[in-house]
Amino acid sequence: MKYHITQGELCEAVQLYLNERVLKRPVKITKVEKADAKHYGIELETVTAEDDQEQVAADAREAATA
């Protein structure tokens, strides 16, 4: 069985999964690119997501960026 998914659909699916199931807070997909490896003959995509880090205290955020 083959299923073709567009990059937009992939971004939407990952974003929904992270928002609703994993992080339970908003994330933004910032990058999608082809991975170097294949898994079971399927070309992989790497999806990069970022959150606004509102859950992290302001002083910890500043220390992380310094």
N, C-alpha and C. Protein backbone atom coordinates (compact mmCIF):
# COMPACT_ATOMS: atom_id res chain seq x y z
N MET A 1 0.84 -1.17 0.00
CA MET A 1 0.00 0.00 0.00
C MET A 1 0.89 1.24 0.00
N LYS A 2 0.57 2.17 -0.84
CA LYS A 2 1.31 3.42 -0.89
C LYS A 2 0.37 4.56 -0.51
N TYR A 3 0.91 5.50 0.22
CA TYR A 3 0.16 6.70 0.55
C TYR A 3 1.07 7.88 0.30
N HIS A 4 0.64 8.79 -0.51
CA HIS A 4 1.42 9.97 -0.82
C HIS A 4 0.91 11.12 0.04
N ILE A 5 1.84 11.80 0.69
CA ILE A 5 1.48 12.92 1.54
C ILE A 5 2.32 14.12 1.11
N THR A 6 1.69 15.25 1.04
CA THR A 6 2.43 16.45 0.65
C THR A 6 3.21 16.96 1.85
N GLN A 7 4.16 17.83 1.57
CA GLN A 7 4.95 18.39 2.66
C GLN A 7 4.07 19.20 3.60
N GLY A 8 3.08 19.89 3.07
CA GLY A 8 2.15 20.65 3.89
C GLY A 8 1.35 19.75 4.82
N GLU A 9 0.88 18.61 4.29
CA GLU A 9 0.14 17.65 5.10
C GLU A 9 1.03 17.06 6.19
N LEU A 10 2.28 16.79 5.84
CA LEU A 10 3.22 16.26 6.82
C LEU A 10 3.43 17.26 7.95
N CYS A 11 3.64 18.51 7.61
CA CYS A 11 3.83 19.55 8.63
C CYS A 11 2.61 19.65 9.54
N GLU A 12 1.43 19.65 8.92
CA GLU A 12 0.19 19.76 9.69
C GLU A 12 0.02 18.57 10.63
N ALA A 13 0.33 17.37 10.15
CA ALA A 13 0.19 16.17 10.96
C ALA A 13 1.16 16.16 12.15
N VAL A 14 2.41 16.52 11.89
CA VAL A 14 3.41 16.56 12.96
C VAL A 14 3.04 17.63 13.98
N GLN A 15 2.64 18.79 13.50
CA GLN A 15 2.28 19.87 14.39
C GLN A 15 1.09 19.47 15.28
N LEU A 16 0.07 18.88 14.69
CA LEU A 16 -1.09 18.44 15.45
C LEU A 16 -0.70 17.39 16.48
N TYR A 17 0.13 16.41 16.08
CA TYR A 17 0.56 15.36 16.99
C TYR A 17 1.34 15.93 18.18
N LEU A 18 2.28 16.82 17.91
CA LEU A 18 3.05 17.41 19.00
C LEU A 18 2.18 18.27 19.90
N ASN A 19 1.29 19.06 19.31
CA ASN A 19 0.42 19.94 20.09
C ASN A 19 -0.54 19.16 20.98
N GLU A 20 -1.15 18.13 20.43
CA GLU A 20 -2.22 17.43 21.14
C GLU A 20 -1.74 16.26 21.99
N ARG A 21 -0.70 15.56 21.57
CA ARG A 21 -0.32 14.32 22.23
C ARG A 21 0.98 14.39 23.02
N VAL A 22 1.97 15.10 22.52
CA VAL A 22 3.30 15.03 23.13
C VAL A 22 3.55 16.23 24.04
N LEU A 23 3.63 17.39 23.46
CA LEU A 23 4.00 18.57 24.24
C LEU A 23 2.80 19.25 24.87
N LYS A 24 1.65 19.11 24.25
CA LYS A 24 0.41 19.72 24.72
C LYS A 24 0.53 21.23 24.85
N ARG A 25 1.25 21.81 23.92
CA ARG A 25 1.36 23.27 23.80
C ARG A 25 1.73 23.58 22.35
N PRO A 26 1.49 24.81 21.91
CA PRO A 26 1.71 25.13 20.50
C PRO A 26 3.17 25.02 20.06
N VAL A 27 3.37 24.45 18.90
CA VAL A 27 4.69 24.41 18.26
C VAL A 27 4.54 24.92 16.85
N LYS A 28 5.65 25.32 16.26
CA LYS A 28 5.67 25.80 14.89
C LYS A 28 6.69 24.96 14.12
N ILE A 29 6.28 24.42 12.99
CA ILE A 29 7.19 23.66 12.14
C ILE A 29 8.06 24.67 11.40
N THR A 30 9.37 24.55 11.54
CA THR A 30 10.27 25.52 10.94
C THR A 30 11.01 24.99 9.72
N LYS A 31 11.13 23.65 9.61
CA LYS A 31 11.89 23.13 8.48
C LYS A 31 11.53 21.67 8.24
N VAL A 32 11.45 21.29 6.98
CA VAL A 32 11.28 19.89 6.58
C VAL A 32 12.32 19.63 5.51
N GLU A 33 13.09 18.56 5.70
CA GLU A 33 14.11 18.23 4.71
C GLU A 33 14.28 16.73 4.61
N LYS A 34 14.80 16.28 3.51
CA LYS A 34 15.03 14.84 3.32
C LYS A 34 16.14 14.37 4.25
N ALA A 35 15.93 13.22 4.85
CA ALA A 35 16.94 12.61 5.70
C ALA A 35 17.93 11.84 4.83
N ASP A 36 19.10 11.58 5.37
CA ASP A 36 20.14 10.86 4.62
C ASP A 36 19.87 9.36 4.55
N ALA A 37 19.01 8.85 5.41
CA ALA A 37 18.83 7.41 5.53
C ALA A 37 17.48 6.97 4.97
N LYS A 38 17.37 5.69 4.75
CA LYS A 38 16.10 5.07 4.39
C LYS A 38 15.77 4.05 5.47
N HIS A 39 14.48 3.85 5.69
CA HIS A 39 14.03 2.89 6.69
C HIS A 39 12.99 2.01 6.03
N TYR A 40 13.25 0.72 5.93
CA TYR A 40 12.37 -0.22 5.26
C TYR A 40 12.07 0.21 3.83
N GLY A 41 13.07 0.79 3.16
CA GLY A 41 12.91 1.20 1.78
C GLY A 41 12.12 2.48 1.58
N ILE A 42 11.84 3.17 2.66
CA ILE A 42 11.07 4.42 2.60
C ILE A 42 12.02 5.58 2.83
N GLU A 43 11.95 6.56 1.95
CA GLU A 43 12.76 7.77 2.16
C GLU A 43 12.19 8.54 3.34
N LEU A 44 13.05 8.97 4.23
CA LEU A 44 12.62 9.66 5.43
C LEU A 44 12.73 11.16 5.29
N GLU A 45 11.90 11.85 6.03
CA GLU A 45 11.94 13.31 6.11
C GLU A 45 12.28 13.69 7.54
N THR A 46 13.04 14.74 7.71
CA THR A 46 13.33 15.29 9.02
C THR A 46 12.50 16.55 9.19
N VAL A 47 11.72 16.59 10.27
CA VAL A 47 10.86 17.74 10.54
C VAL A 47 11.40 18.44 11.78
N THR A 48 11.66 19.75 11.66
CA THR A 48 12.15 20.54 12.78
C THR A 48 11.01 21.41 13.30
N ALA A 49 10.75 21.31 14.61
CA ALA A 49 9.68 22.09 15.23
C ALA A 49 10.24 22.90 16.38
N GLU A 50 9.66 24.07 16.59
CA GLU A 50 10.07 24.92 17.70
C GLU A 50 8.83 25.34 18.46
N ASP A 51 8.98 25.50 19.77
CA ASP A 51 7.88 26.05 20.54
C ASP A 51 8.28 27.41 21.08
N ASP A 52 7.32 28.13 21.64
CA ASP A 52 7.60 29.48 22.11
C ASP A 52 8.25 29.50 23.49
N GLN A 53 8.39 28.35 24.11
CA GLN A 53 9.05 28.15 25.40
C GLN A 53 8.40 28.97 26.51
N GLU A 54 7.10 29.22 26.41
CA GLU A 54 6.40 29.93 27.48
C GLU A 54 6.43 29.14 28.79
N GLN A 55 6.57 27.82 28.68
CA GLN A 55 6.58 26.99 29.87
C GLN A 55 7.88 27.10 30.66
N VAL A 56 8.91 27.66 30.06
CA VAL A 56 10.21 27.80 30.69
C VAL A 56 10.31 29.19 31.32
N ALA A 57 10.80 29.26 32.52
CA ALA A 57 10.95 30.54 33.20
C ALA A 57 11.85 31.47 32.39
N ALA A 58 11.58 32.77 32.43
CA ALA A 58 12.31 33.75 31.63
C ALA A 58 13.80 33.71 31.90
N ASP A 59 14.21 33.57 33.16
CA ASP A 59 15.64 33.55 33.47
C ASP A 59 16.33 32.32 32.90
N ALA A 60 15.64 31.19 32.85
CA ALA A 60 16.22 29.99 32.26
C ALA A 60 16.38 30.16 30.75
N ARG A 61 15.42 30.82 30.10
CA ARG A 61 15.50 31.07 28.66
C ARG A 61 16.68 31.97 28.34
N GLU A 62 16.86 33.00 29.14
CA GLU A 62 17.99 33.92 28.92
C GLU A 62 19.32 33.23 29.10
N ALA A 63 19.40 32.34 30.10
CA ALA A 63 20.65 31.61 30.35
C ALA A 63 20.95 30.67 29.18
N ALA A 64 19.92 30.08 28.59
CA ALA A 64 20.12 29.14 27.49
C ALA A 64 20.60 29.85 26.23
N THR A 65 20.21 31.09 26.03
CA THR A 65 20.60 31.81 24.83
C THR A 65 21.91 32.56 25.01
N ALA A 66 22.39 32.67 26.24
CA ALA A 66 23.64 33.40 26.50
C ALA A 66 24.86 32.58 26.18
